[in-house]
Amino acid sequence: MRFAMNKCYTKVLCYAIINKDYGNKTHKRVLKTEKGDAAMRYQLENESVLLSVDSKGAELKSLIGKENGQEYLWCGDEKYWNRTSPVLFPIVGRLIDDRYTYEGKTYEMHQHGFARDREFTLIHQSDCELVMRLQSDDASKAVYPFDFALEIGYRLSEKSVTVSWKVINTGEKEMYFSIGGHPGFVCPLNQEEKQENYSVRIGAGEDSVASTLLTGGYVSDEMEEYALGEGGILPLADGLFDKDALILEDHQAQEAGLVTPDGREYITLKFDAPLFGIWSPPKKHAPFVCIEPWYGRSDRVGFDGSLCDREWGNHLDTGEVFEASYRILIS
């Protein structure tokens, strides 16, 4: 099958199984439905990349390099982690006891917020771009008392996809929120390889980085320093994630990538987020690694303030708009 250079293609899928065959590799995706509702899956492709996005959570579900047929995105196997690339909104990480207070009232919200489990509506579609929207409703305001619109976009350009976020305060009072990405990438690429022979490259421009440590999912006052090799290389040594995610705060780096045993960087993320996480499920030897740009994070141990006081939180006045993005490049 031939594709014209610099052309993009888009399609909507609304059936149970997708089969794609590239370079002798067949990729089969099963769409689960609930209460009889058909799952909506949208595809974008150009001469280099094929990606799929679900309407549920506006979640990226597949990222295939067409040159080699390689699936780069984690498949969501529940044995390890049943998600692929959820958006984290309106919180990133955990709240103390999964609760927060606002204007004297206590609300309950679980880790990473609710947007990842809500149905989004397609509002824009072109050859190279999709944009999906979630709007506040009675269900969201029961746990998050703000009027908002959240738009998530995906745009293809050559061998990259830009993931964009737009948060709009549609209400009449100041709103407080965090937002982040959580894409998981296949690592190792081949079953016969071991993850500990791979590396993550951290574009810090320094010979080490400092990670905030978690305890029980909350931020502690402890830090751990990791020495970087030439070019910012940190080996994915066995046990690296035994203490949970590595959390790099204060703009320590604006890009990170995964590197094969022979030194080839096959996935690169570029972002402007003030902090980001690197994670794989602790002590599971899971065959994927997440690189997560964040505008927010978990509460600190002992935190007892309100939603307005959360560290790394964001706020918008009435009618204001927050916009951010990150870029995934494959090679």
C-alpha atoms as a PDB file:
ATOM      1  CA  MET A   1       0.000   0.000   0.000  1.00  0.00           C
ATOM      2  CA  ARG A   2       1.466   3.343  -1.050  1.00  0.00           C
ATOM      3  CA  PHE A   3       0.957   6.624   0.763  1.00  0.00           C
ATOM      4  CA  ALA A   4       1.539  10.077  -0.705  1.00  0.00           C
ATOM      5  CA  MET A   5       4.237  11.991   1.112  1.00  0.00           C
ATOM      6  CA  ASN A   6       3.098  14.563   3.686  1.00  0.00           C
ATOM      7  CA  LYS A   7      -0.491  13.350   3.500  1.00  0.00           C
ATOM      8  CA  CYS A   8      -2.584  12.382   6.516  1.00  0.00           C
ATOM      9  CA  TYR A   9      -5.632  10.166   6.716  1.00  0.00           C
ATOM     10  CA  THR A  10      -8.325   9.856   9.352  1.00  0.00           C
ATOM     11  CA  LYS A  11     -11.096   7.353  10.020  1.00  0.00           C
ATOM     12  CA  VAL A  12     -13.649   6.532  12.688  1.00  0.00           C
ATOM     13  CA  LEU A  13     -14.005   2.972  13.899  1.00  0.00           C
ATOM     14  CA  CYS A  14     -17.069   1.691  15.707  1.00  0.00           C
ATOM     15  CA  TYR A  15     -16.765  -2.055  15.811  1.00  0.00           C
ATOM     16  CA  ALA A  16     -15.287  -4.724  17.996  1.00  0.00           C
ATOM     17  CA  ILE A  17     -11.951  -5.705  16.440  1.00  0.00           C
ATOM     18  CA  ILE A  18      -9.343  -3.775  14.493  1.00  0.00           C
ATOM     19  CA  ASN A  19      -6.752  -5.647  12.462  1.00  0.00           C
ATOM     20  CA  LYS A  20      -3.771  -3.924  10.894  1.00  0.00           C
ATOM     21  CA  ASP A  21      -0.975  -5.646   9.012  1.00  0.00           C
ATOM     22  CA  TYR A  22       2.318  -3.794   8.529  1.00  0.00           C
ATOM     23  CA  GLY A  23       5.603  -5.437   7.648  1.00  0.00           C
ATOM     24  CA  ASN A  24       4.386  -8.958   8.509  1.00  0.00           C
ATOM     25  CA  LYS A  25       3.127  -7.803  11.925  1.00  0.00           C
ATOM     26  CA  THR A  26      -0.581  -7.979  12.663  1.00  0.00           C
ATOM     27  CA  HIS A  27      -1.987  -5.728  15.387  1.00  0.00           C
ATOM     28  CA  LYS A  28      -5.310  -6.812  16.817  1.00  0.00           C
ATOM     29  CA  ARG A  29      -7.248  -4.564  19.204  1.00  0.00           C
ATOM     30  CA  VAL A  30     -10.399  -5.641  21.021  1.00  0.00           C
ATOM     31  CA  LEU A  31     -12.785  -2.847  22.001  1.00  0.00           C
ATOM     32  CA  LYS A  32     -14.780  -3.587  25.137  1.00  0.00           C
ATOM     33  CA  THR A  33     -18.257  -2.125  25.372  1.00  0.00           C
ATOM     34  CA  GLU A  34     -20.426  -1.410  28.399  1.00  0.00           C
ATOM     35  CA  LYS A  35     -24.222  -1.362  28.662  1.00  0.00           C
ATOM     36  CA  GLY A  36     -24.522  -2.037  24.955  1.00  0.00           C
ATOM     37  CA  ASP A  37     -22.811   1.188  23.945  1.00  0.00           C
ATOM     38  CA  ALA A  38     -20.411   0.914  21.015  1.00  0.00           C
ATOM     39  CA  ALA A  39     -16.851   2.006  21.679  1.00  0.00           C
ATOM     40  CA  MET A  40     -15.664   4.798  19.459  1.00  0.00           C
ATOM     41  CA  ARG A  41     -12.103   4.583  18.246  1.00  0.00           C
ATOM     42  CA  TYR A  42     -10.562   7.203  15.997  1.00  0.00           C
ATOM     43  CA  GLN A  43      -7.500   6.758  13.826  1.00  0.00           C
ATOM     44  CA  LEU A  44      -5.019   9.177  12.322  1.00  0.00           C
ATOM     45  CA  GLU A  45      -2.266   8.145   9.962  1.00  0.00           C
ATOM     46  CA  ASN A  46       0.313   9.595   7.644  1.00  0.00           C
ATOM     47  CA  GLU A  47       3.153   7.997   5.694  1.00  0.00           C
ATOM     48  CA  SER A  48       5.051   7.157   8.899  1.00  0.00           C
ATOM     49  CA  VAL A  49       2.644   6.726  11.828  1.00  0.00           C
ATOM     50  CA  LEU A  50      -0.711   5.138  12.590  1.00  0.00           C
ATOM     51  CA  LEU A  51      -2.349   6.084  15.889  1.00  0.00           C
ATOM     52  CA  SER A  52      -5.654   5.213  17.540  1.00  0.00           C
ATOM     53  CA  VAL A  53      -7.559   7.167  20.183  1.00  0.00           C
ATOM     54  CA  ASP A  54     -10.586   6.082  22.218  1.00  0.00           C
ATOM     55  CA  SER A  55     -13.495   8.365  23.002  1.00  0.00           C
ATOM     56  CA  LYS A  56     -13.369   7.075  26.582  1.00  0.00           C
ATOM     57  CA  GLY A  57     -10.838   9.290  28.310  1.00  0.00           C
ATOM     58  CA  ALA A  58      -9.653  10.577  24.901  1.00  0.00           C
ATOM     59  CA  GLU A  59      -6.919   8.010  25.541  1.00  0.00           C
ATOM     60  CA  LEU A  60      -4.201   7.148  23.037  1.00  0.00           C
ATOM     61  CA  LYS A  61      -4.511   3.391  22.456  1.00  0.00           C
ATOM     62  CA  SER A  62      -2.005   2.570  19.755  1.00  0.00           C
ATOM     63  CA  LEU A  63       1.059   4.153  18.176  1.00  0.00           C
ATOM     64  CA  ILE A  64       2.502   2.157  15.289  1.00  0.00           C
ATOM     65  CA  GLY A  65       5.547   2.991  13.196  1.00  0.00           C
ATOM     66  CA  LYS A  66       4.517   1.971   9.683  1.00  0.00           C
ATOM     67  CA  GLU A  67       8.071   1.592   8.405  1.00  0.00           C
ATOM     68  CA  ASN A  68       8.748  -1.399  10.642  1.00  0.00           C
ATOM     69  CA  GLY A  69       5.263  -2.286  11.940  1.00  0.00           C
ATOM     70  CA  GLN A  70       6.389  -1.705  15.519  1.00  0.00           C
ATOM     71  CA  GLU A  71       3.748  -0.993  18.155  1.00  0.00           C
ATOM     72  CA  TYR A  72       5.330   1.500  20.542  1.00  0.00           C
ATOM     73  CA  LEU A  73       2.478   2.008  22.992  1.00  0.00           C
ATOM     74  CA  TRP A  74       1.825  -0.347  25.894  1.00  0.00           C
ATOM     75  CA  CYS A  75      -1.204  -2.580  25.224  1.00  0.00           C
ATOM     76  CA  GLY A  76      -3.004  -2.203  28.564  1.00  0.00           C
ATOM     77  CA  ASP A  77      -2.668  -5.800  29.780  1.00  0.00           C
ATOM     78  CA  GLU A  78      -4.388  -5.768  33.193  1.00  0.00           C
ATOM     79  CA  LYS A  79      -1.834  -8.254  34.524  1.00  0.00           C
ATOM     80  CA  TYR A  80       0.462  -5.240  34.880  1.00  0.00           C
ATOM     81  CA  TRP A  81      -1.553  -2.050  34.207  1.00  0.00           C
ATOM     82  CA  ASN A  82      -4.852  -1.841  32.374  1.00  0.00           C
ATOM     83  CA  ARG A  83      -4.343   1.592  30.849  1.00  0.00           C
ATOM     84  CA  THR A  84      -2.241   2.856  27.946  1.00  0.00           C
ATOM     85  CA  SER A  85      -1.980   6.654  28.068  1.00  0.00           C
ATOM     86  CA  PRO A  86      -4.554   8.229  30.396  1.00  0.00           C
ATOM     87  CA  VAL A  87      -4.942  11.963  30.923  1.00  0.00           C
ATOM     88  CA  LEU A  88      -4.637  12.920  34.586  1.00  0.00           C
ATOM     89  CA  PHE A  89      -7.236  15.565  35.475  1.00  0.00           C
ATOM     90  CA  PRO A  90      -8.245  17.426  37.613  1.00  0.00           C
ATOM     91  CA  ILE A  91      -5.551  15.991  39.895  1.00  0.00           C
ATOM     92  CA  VAL A  92      -2.233  14.283  39.309  1.00  0.00           C
ATOM     93  CA  GLY A  93      -1.288  11.587  41.794  1.00  0.00           C
ATOM     94  CA  ARG A  94      -2.992  10.998  45.132  1.00  0.00           C
ATOM     95  CA  LEU A  95      -4.807  13.201  47.585  1.00  0.00           C
ATOM     96  CA  ILE A  96      -4.313  12.511  51.287  1.00  0.00           C
ATOM     97  CA  ASP A  97      -6.892   9.800  52.093  1.00  0.00           C
ATOM     98  CA  ASP A  98      -8.318  10.427  48.590  1.00  0.00           C
ATOM     99  CA  ARG A  99     -10.029  13.578  49.862  1.00  0.00           C
ATOM    100  CA  TYR A 100      -9.649  17.327  49.585  1.00  0.00           C
ATOM    101  CA  THR A 101     -11.394  20.355  50.997  1.00  0.00           C
ATOM    102  CA  TYR A 102     -12.679  23.409  49.179  1.00  0.00           C
ATOM    103  CA  GLU A 103     -14.622  26.276  50.741  1.00  0.00           C
ATOM    104  CA  GLY A 104     -15.053  24.243  53.903  1.00  0.00           C
ATOM    105  CA  LYS A 105     -16.550  21.177  52.195  1.00  0.00           C
ATOM    106  CA  THR A 106     -14.842  17.800  51.823  1.00  0.00           C
ATOM    107  CA  TYR A 107     -14.847  15.990  48.480  1.00  0.00           C
ATOM    108  CA  GLU A 108     -13.625  12.503  47.580  1.00  0.00           C
ATOM    109  CA  MET A 109     -11.533  11.858  44.493  1.00  0.00           C
ATOM    110  CA  HIS A 110      -9.359   8.908  43.645  1.00  0.00           C
ATOM    111  CA  GLN A 111      -5.845   8.874  42.217  1.00  0.00           C
ATOM    112  CA  HIS A 112      -5.344  10.883  38.998  1.00  0.00           C
ATOM    113  CA  GLY A 113      -8.915  12.204  38.864  1.00  0.00           C
ATOM    114  CA  PHE A 114     -11.926  11.255  36.763  1.00  0.00           C
ATOM    115  CA  ALA A 115     -11.283  12.486  33.203  1.00  0.00           C
ATOM    116  CA  ARG A 116      -9.600   9.239  32.147  1.00  0.00           C
ATOM    117  CA  ASP A 117     -12.875   7.362  32.770  1.00  0.00           C
ATOM    118  CA  ARG A 118     -15.282   9.822  31.145  1.00  0.00           C
ATOM    119  CA  GLU A 119     -16.630   9.847  27.601  1.00  0.00           C
ATOM    120  CA  PHE A 120     -15.246  12.651  25.411  1.00  0.00           C
ATOM    121  CA  THR A 121     -16.932  14.181  22.376  1.00  0.00           C
ATOM    122  CA  LEU A 122     -15.140  14.723  19.071  1.00  0.00           C
ATOM    123  CA  ILE A 123     -15.255  18.443  18.272  1.00  0.00           C
ATOM    124  CA  HIS A 124     -12.670  18.784  15.491  1.00  0.00           C
ATOM    125  CA  GLN A 125     -11.328  16.413  12.890  1.00  0.00           C
ATOM    126  CA  SER A 126      -8.980  17.053   9.988  1.00  0.00           C
ATOM    127  CA  ASP A 127      -6.595  14.906   7.979  1.00  0.00           C
ATOM    128  CA  CYS A 128      -3.839  15.203  10.578  1.00  0.00           C
ATOM    129  CA  GLU A 129      -5.601  16.184  13.794  1.00  0.00           C
ATOM    130  CA  LEU A 130      -8.312  15.159  16.264  1.00  0.00           C
ATOM    131  CA  VAL A 131      -9.630  17.232  19.179  1.00  0.00           C
ATOM    132  CA  MET A 132     -11.971  15.826  21.828  1.00  0.00           C
ATOM    133  CA  ARG A 133     -13.806  17.627  24.610  1.00  0.00           C
ATOM    134  CA  LEU A 134     -15.115  16.867  28.097  1.00  0.00           C
ATOM    135  CA  GLN A 135     -17.447  19.335  29.791  1.00  0.00           C
ATOM    136  CA  SER A 136     -18.401  19.551  33.424  1.00  0.00           C
ATOM    137  CA  ASP A 137     -21.795  18.158  34.390  1.00  0.00           C
ATOM    138  CA  ASP A 138     -23.717  17.211  37.514  1.00  0.00           C
ATOM    139  CA  ALA A 139     -21.658  14.049  37.966  1.00  0.00           C
ATOM    140  CA  SER A 140     -18.323  15.886  37.782  1.00  0.00           C
ATOM    141  CA  LYS A 141     -19.513  18.707  40.045  1.00  0.00           C
ATOM    142  CA  ALA A 142     -20.448  16.196  42.736  1.00  0.00           C
ATOM    143  CA  VAL A 143     -16.709  15.528  43.193  1.00  0.00           C
ATOM    144  CA  TYR A 144     -15.188  18.667  41.654  1.00  0.00           C
ATOM    145  CA  PRO A 145     -17.317  21.826  42.108  1.00  0.00           C
ATOM    146  CA  PHE A 146     -16.181  23.773  39.048  1.00  0.00           C
ATOM    147  CA  ASP A 147     -17.524  24.466  35.578  1.00  0.00           C
ATOM    148  CA  PHE A 148     -14.874  23.641  32.989  1.00  0.00           C
ATOM    149  CA  ALA A 149     -14.142  22.324  29.526  1.00  0.00           C
ATOM    150  CA  LEU A 150     -11.163  20.044  28.872  1.00  0.00           C
ATOM    151  CA  GLU A 151      -9.965  19.594  25.300  1.00  0.00           C
ATOM    152  CA  ILE A 152      -7.402  16.965  24.302  1.00  0.00           C
ATOM    153  CA  GLY A 153      -5.843  17.046  20.859  1.00  0.00           C
ATOM    154  CA  TYR A 154      -3.628  14.751  18.786  1.00  0.00           C
ATOM    155  CA  ARG A 155      -1.743  16.052  15.759  1.00  0.00           C
ATOM    156  CA  LEU A 156       0.519  14.077  13.437  1.00  0.00           C
ATOM    157  CA  SER A 157       3.603  15.488  11.754  1.00  0.00           C
ATOM    158  CA  GLU A 158       6.056  13.152  10.040  1.00  0.00           C
ATOM    159  CA  LYS A 159       7.248  10.687  12.751  1.00  0.00           C
ATOM    160  CA  SER A 160       5.754  12.545  15.695  1.00  0.00           C
ATOM    161  CA  VAL A 161       2.471  13.150  17.464  1.00  0.00           C
ATOM    162  CA  THR A 162       1.775  16.257  19.537  1.00  0.00           C
ATOM    163  CA  VAL A 163      -0.598  15.756  22.446  1.00  0.00           C
ATOM    164  CA  SER A 164      -2.253  19.016  23.500  1.00  0.00           C
ATOM    165  CA  TRP A 165      -4.351  20.008  26.504  1.00  0.00           C
ATOM    166  CA  LYS A 166      -6.660  22.984  26.864  1.00  0.00           C
ATOM    167  CA  VAL A 167      -8.452  23.700  30.132  1.00  0.00           C
ATOM    168  CA  ILE A 168     -11.133  26.403  30.060  1.00  0.00           C
ATOM    169  CA  ASN A 169     -12.780  27.897  33.131  1.00  0.00           C
ATOM    170  CA  THR A 170     -16.397  28.211  32.003  1.00  0.00           C
ATOM    171  CA  GLY A 171     -17.680  29.064  35.466  1.00  0.00           C
ATOM    172  CA  GLU A 172     -18.048  32.181  37.562  1.00  0.00           C
ATOM    173  CA  LYS A 173     -15.361  31.454  40.162  1.00  0.00           C
ATOM    174  CA  GLU A 174     -11.662  30.704  40.197  1.00  0.00           C
ATOM    175  CA  MET A 175     -10.892  27.030  39.550  1.00  0.00           C
ATOM    176  CA  TYR A 176      -7.976  24.924  40.771  1.00  0.00           C
ATOM    177  CA  PHE A 177      -6.593  21.896  38.951  1.00  0.00           C
ATOM    178  CA  SER A 178      -3.637  19.762  37.954  1.00  0.00           C
ATOM    179  CA  ILE A 179      -3.121  17.973  34.649  1.00  0.00           C
ATOM    180  CA  GLY A 180      -0.653  15.451  33.323  1.00  0.00           C
ATOM    181  CA  GLY A 181       0.098  12.714  30.818  1.00  0.00           C
ATOM    182  CA  HIS A 182       0.778   9.055  31.570  1.00  0.00           C
ATOM    183  CA  PRO A 183       1.808   7.359  28.284  1.00  0.00           C
ATOM    184  CA  GLY A 184       3.315   3.892  28.593  1.00  0.00           C
ATOM    185  CA  PHE A 185       5.776   2.602  26.015  1.00  0.00           C
ATOM    186  CA  VAL A 186       6.825  -0.930  25.153  1.00  0.00           C
ATOM    187  CA  CYS A 187      10.151  -1.755  26.808  1.00  0.00           C
ATOM    188  CA  PRO A 188      11.770  -4.038  25.812  1.00  0.00           C
ATOM    189  CA  LEU A 189      10.767  -4.005  22.162  1.00  0.00           C
ATOM    190  CA  ASN A 190      11.297  -7.750  21.754  1.00  0.00           C
ATOM    191  CA  GLN A 191      10.316 -10.581  24.079  1.00  0.00           C
ATOM    192  CA  GLU A 192      13.775 -12.119  23.981  1.00  0.00           C
ATOM    193  CA  GLU A 193      15.314  -8.940  25.418  1.00  0.00           C
ATOM    194  CA  LYS A 194      15.417  -7.752  29.026  1.00  0.00           C
ATOM    195  CA  GLN A 195      14.317  -4.344  30.208  1.00  0.00           C
ATOM    196  CA  GLU A 196      17.379  -3.983  32.445  1.00  0.00           C
ATOM    197  CA  ASN A 197      19.524  -3.875  29.300  1.00  0.00           C
ATOM    198  CA  TYR A 198      17.643  -0.776  28.142  1.00  0.00           C
ATOM    199  CA  SER A 199      18.139   2.796  29.343  1.00  0.00           C
ATOM    200  CA  VAL A 200      16.270   6.047  29.687  1.00  0.00           C
ATOM    201  CA  ARG A 201      17.946   9.171  28.391  1.00  0.00           C
ATOM    202  CA  ILE A 202      17.210  12.255  30.467  1.00  0.00           C
ATOM    203  CA  GLY A 203      17.965  15.551  28.753  1.00  0.00           C
ATOM    204  CA  ALA A 204      19.037  17.307  31.922  1.00  0.00           C
ATOM    205  CA  GLY A 205      22.323  18.802  30.739  1.00  0.00           C
ATOM    206  CA  GLU A 206      23.816  17.701  34.068  1.00  0.00           C
ATOM    207  CA  ASP A 207      25.649  14.627  35.295  1.00  0.00           C
ATOM    208  CA  SER A 208      22.884  13.704  37.754  1.00  0.00           C
ATOM    209  CA  VAL A 209      19.214  14.255  38.589  1.00  0.00           C
ATOM    210  CA  ALA A 210      17.384  14.295  41.924  1.00  0.00           C
ATOM    211  CA  SER A 211      14.138  12.379  42.388  1.00  0.00           C
ATOM    212  CA  THR A 212      11.493  13.116  44.982  1.00  0.00           C
ATOM    213  CA  LEU A 213      10.617   9.886  46.784  1.00  0.00           C
ATOM    214  CA  LEU A 214       7.115   8.595  47.442  1.00  0.00           C
ATOM    215  CA  THR A 215       5.826   6.783  50.486  1.00  0.00           C
ATOM    216  CA  GLY A 216       2.449   5.126  50.182  1.00  0.00           C
ATOM    217  CA  GLY A 217       1.782   7.150  47.053  1.00  0.00           C
ATOM    218  CA  TYR A 218       2.463  10.475  48.800  1.00  0.00           C
ATOM    219  CA  VAL A 219       5.450  12.767  48.449  1.00  0.00           C
ATOM    220  CA  SER A 220       8.024  12.465  51.219  1.00  0.00           C
ATOM    221  CA  ASP A 221      10.771  14.871  52.242  1.00  0.00           C
ATOM    222  CA  GLU A 222      13.417  12.423  51.025  1.00  0.00           C
ATOM    223  CA  MET A 223      15.312  12.755  47.762  1.00  0.00           C
ATOM    224  CA  GLU A 224      17.469  10.318  45.850  1.00  0.00           C
ATOM    225  CA  GLU A 225      20.179  11.325  43.398  1.00  0.00           C
ATOM    226  CA  TYR A 226      20.808   9.342  40.213  1.00  0.00           C
ATOM    227  CA  ALA A 227      24.077   9.637  38.331  1.00  0.00           C
ATOM    228  CA  LEU A 228      23.709   9.948  34.559  1.00  0.00           C
ATOM    229  CA  GLY A 229      26.118   8.497  32.079  1.00  0.00           C
ATOM    230  CA  GLU A 230      27.345  10.128  28.912  1.00  0.00           C
ATOM    231  CA  GLY A 231      24.496  11.786  27.047  1.00  0.00           C
ATOM    232  CA  GLY A 232      22.206  11.670  30.089  1.00  0.00           C
ATOM    233  CA  ILE A 233      21.845   7.889  30.152  1.00  0.00           C
ATOM    234  CA  LEU A 234      20.254   6.185  33.171  1.00  0.00           C
ATOM    235  CA  PRO A 235      20.187   2.364  32.939  1.00  0.00           C
ATOM    236  CA  LEU A 236      16.833   0.737  33.642  1.00  0.00           C
ATOM    237  CA  ALA A 237      18.442  -1.458  36.241  1.00  0.00           C
ATOM    238  CA  ASP A 238      16.445  -4.163  37.975  1.00  0.00           C
ATOM    239  CA  GLY A 239      14.881  -2.572  41.055  1.00  0.00           C
ATOM    240  CA  LEU A 240      14.979   1.003  39.720  1.00  0.00           C
ATOM    241  CA  PHE A 241      11.227   1.384  40.337  1.00  0.00           C
ATOM    242  CA  ASP A 242      11.006  -0.575  43.586  1.00  0.00           C
ATOM    243  CA  LYS A 243      10.366   2.706  45.453  1.00  0.00           C
ATOM    244  CA  ASP A 244       7.706   3.720  42.893  1.00  0.00           C
ATOM    245  CA  ALA A 245       8.091   6.434  40.261  1.00  0.00           C
ATOM    246  CA  LEU A 246      11.094   8.678  39.772  1.00  0.00           C
ATOM    247  CA  ILE A 247       9.783  12.244  40.089  1.00  0.00           C
ATOM    248  CA  LEU A 248      11.935  15.032  38.692  1.00  0.00           C
ATOM    249  CA  GLU A 249      10.781  18.490  39.763  1.00  0.00           C
ATOM    250  CA  ASP A 250      11.816  22.077  39.005  1.00  0.00           C
ATOM    251  CA  HIS A 251      12.379  21.727  35.239  1.00  0.00           C
ATOM    252  CA  GLN A 252      15.348  19.387  35.665  1.00  0.00           C
ATOM    253  CA  ALA A 253      14.794  18.186  32.092  1.00  0.00           C
ATOM    254  CA  GLN A 254      12.521  18.990  29.168  1.00  0.00           C
ATOM    255  CA  GLU A 255      12.930  15.739  27.274  1.00  0.00           C
ATOM    256  CA  ALA A 256      13.451  12.053  27.917  1.00  0.00           C
ATOM    257  CA  GLY A 257      13.667   8.949  25.754  1.00  0.00           C
ATOM    258  CA  LEU A 258      13.958   5.176  25.813  1.00  0.00           C
ATOM    259  CA  VAL A 259      17.142   3.602  24.464  1.00  0.00           C
ATOM    260  CA  THR A 260      17.788   0.051  23.212  1.00  0.00           C
ATOM    261  CA  PRO A 261      20.768  -2.047  24.352  1.00  0.00           C
ATOM    262  CA  ASP A 262      22.653  -1.041  21.186  1.00  0.00           C
ATOM    263  CA  GLY A 263      22.193   2.670  21.951  1.00  0.00           C
ATOM    264  CA  ARG A 264      19.287   3.542  19.642  1.00  0.00           C
ATOM    265  CA  GLU A 265      16.743   5.970  21.068  1.00  0.00           C
ATOM    266  CA  TYR A 266      13.413   4.731  19.749  1.00  0.00           C
ATOM    267  CA  ILE A 267      10.966   6.932  21.697  1.00  0.00           C
ATOM    268  CA  THR A 268      11.531  10.562  22.697  1.00  0.00           C
ATOM    269  CA  LEU A 269       9.215  12.851  24.657  1.00  0.00           C
ATOM    270  CA  LYS A 270       9.669  16.617  24.563  1.00  0.00           C
ATOM    271  CA  PHE A 271       7.742  18.835  26.972  1.00  0.00           C
ATOM    272  CA  ASP A 272       7.761  22.070  28.936  1.00  0.00           C
ATOM    273  CA  ALA A 273       6.171  20.671  32.104  1.00  0.00           C
ATOM    274  CA  PRO A 274       7.757  21.725  35.418  1.00  0.00           C
ATOM    275  CA  LEU A 275       8.022  18.120  36.588  1.00  0.00           C
ATOM    276  CA  PHE A 276       7.728  14.642  35.155  1.00  0.00           C
ATOM    277  CA  GLY A 277       7.657  11.053  36.270  1.00  0.00           C
ATOM    278  CA  ILE A 278       9.310   7.879  35.012  1.00  0.00           C
ATOM    279  CA  TRP A 279       7.460   4.755  36.107  1.00  0.00           C
ATOM    280  CA  SER A 280       6.927   1.067  35.684  1.00  0.00           C
ATOM    281  CA  PRO A 281       4.952  -1.039  38.203  1.00  0.00           C
ATOM    282  CA  PRO A 282       7.216  -1.804  41.180  1.00  0.00           C
ATOM    283  CA  LYS A 283       8.546  -5.351  41.459  1.00  0.00           C
ATOM    284  CA  LYS A 284       6.472  -6.675  38.540  1.00  0.00           C
ATOM    285  CA  HIS A 285       9.063  -6.676  35.754  1.00  0.00           C
ATOM    286  CA  ALA A 286       6.391  -5.148  33.555  1.00  0.00           C
ATOM    287  CA  PRO A 287       7.390  -4.853  29.861  1.00  0.00           C
ATOM    288  CA  PHE A 288       6.754  -1.117  29.577  1.00  0.00           C
ATOM    289  CA  VAL A 289       7.954   2.227  30.937  1.00  0.00           C
ATOM    290  CA  CYS A 290       5.927   5.429  31.314  1.00  0.00           C
ATOM    291  CA  ILE A 291       7.348   8.916  30.769  1.00  0.00           C
ATOM    292  CA  GLU A 292       4.859  11.370  32.268  1.00  0.00           C
ATOM    293  CA  PRO A 293       4.854  15.174  31.860  1.00  0.00           C
ATOM    294  CA  TRP A 294       2.982  16.738  34.793  1.00  0.00           C
ATOM    295  CA  TYR A 295       1.572  20.065  35.880  1.00  0.00           C
ATOM    296  CA  GLY A 296       0.907  18.850  39.417  1.00  0.00           C
ATOM    297  CA  ARG A 297       1.635  15.816  41.594  1.00  0.00           C
ATOM    298  CA  SER A 298       0.612  13.883  44.722  1.00  0.00           C
ATOM    299  CA  ASP A 299       0.100  15.540  48.080  1.00  0.00           C
ATOM    300  CA  ARG A 300       2.995  15.657  50.496  1.00  0.00           C
ATOM    301  CA  VAL A 301       2.857  13.437  53.588  1.00  0.00           C
ATOM    302  CA  GLY A 302       1.070  15.388  56.323  1.00  0.00           C
ATOM    303  CA  PHE A 303      -0.559  17.912  53.979  1.00  0.00           C
ATOM    304  CA  ASP A 304      -3.807  19.231  55.463  1.00  0.00           C
ATOM    305  CA  GLY A 305      -4.519  22.285  53.321  1.00  0.00           C
ATOM    306  CA  SER A 306      -7.315  22.895  50.844  1.00  0.00           C
ATOM    307  CA  LEU A 307      -7.390  22.306  47.101  1.00  0.00           C
ATOM    308  CA  CYS A 308      -6.141  25.871  46.641  1.00  0.00           C
ATOM    309  CA  ASP A 309      -2.950  25.083  48.582  1.00  0.00           C
ATOM    310  CA  ARG A 310      -1.725  21.975  46.746  1.00  0.00           C
ATOM    311  CA  GLU A 311       1.901  22.103  45.608  1.00  0.00           C
ATOM    312  CA  TRP A 312       2.399  22.535  41.849  1.00  0.00           C
ATOM    313  CA  GLY A 313      -1.308  23.273  41.435  1.00  0.00           C
ATOM    314  CA  ASN A 314      -2.736  25.569  38.760  1.00  0.00           C
ATOM    315  CA  HIS A 315      -5.611  28.034  38.794  1.00  0.00           C
ATOM    316  CA  LEU A 316      -7.750  29.892  36.274  1.00  0.00           C
ATOM    317  CA  ASP A 317      -9.963  32.915  36.707  1.00  0.00           C
ATOM    318  CA  THR A 318     -13.349  33.051  35.019  1.00  0.00           C
ATOM    319  CA  GLY A 319     -12.977  32.700  31.257  1.00  0.00           C
ATOM    320  CA  GLU A 320      -9.227  32.025  31.392  1.00  0.00           C
ATOM    321  CA  VAL A 321      -7.586  29.236  29.409  1.00  0.00           C
ATOM    322  CA  PHE A 322      -4.633  26.973  30.241  1.00  0.00           C
ATOM    323  CA  GLU A 323      -2.807  25.345  27.337  1.00  0.00           C
ATOM    324  CA  ALA A 324       0.090  22.891  27.303  1.00  0.00           C
ATOM    325  CA  SER A 325       1.381  20.050  25.162  1.00  0.00           C
ATOM    326  CA  TYR A 326       4.021  17.398  24.771  1.00  0.00           C
ATOM    327  CA  ARG A 327       5.452  15.692  21.722  1.00  0.00           C
ATOM    328  CA  ILE A 328       6.184  12.007  21.102  1.00  0.00           C
ATOM    329  CA  LEU A 329       8.775  11.163  18.454  1.00  0.00           C
ATOM    330  CA  ILE A 330       9.473   7.665  17.150  1.00  0.00           C
ATOM    331  CA  SER A 331      12.554   6.452  15.306  1.00  0.00           C
END
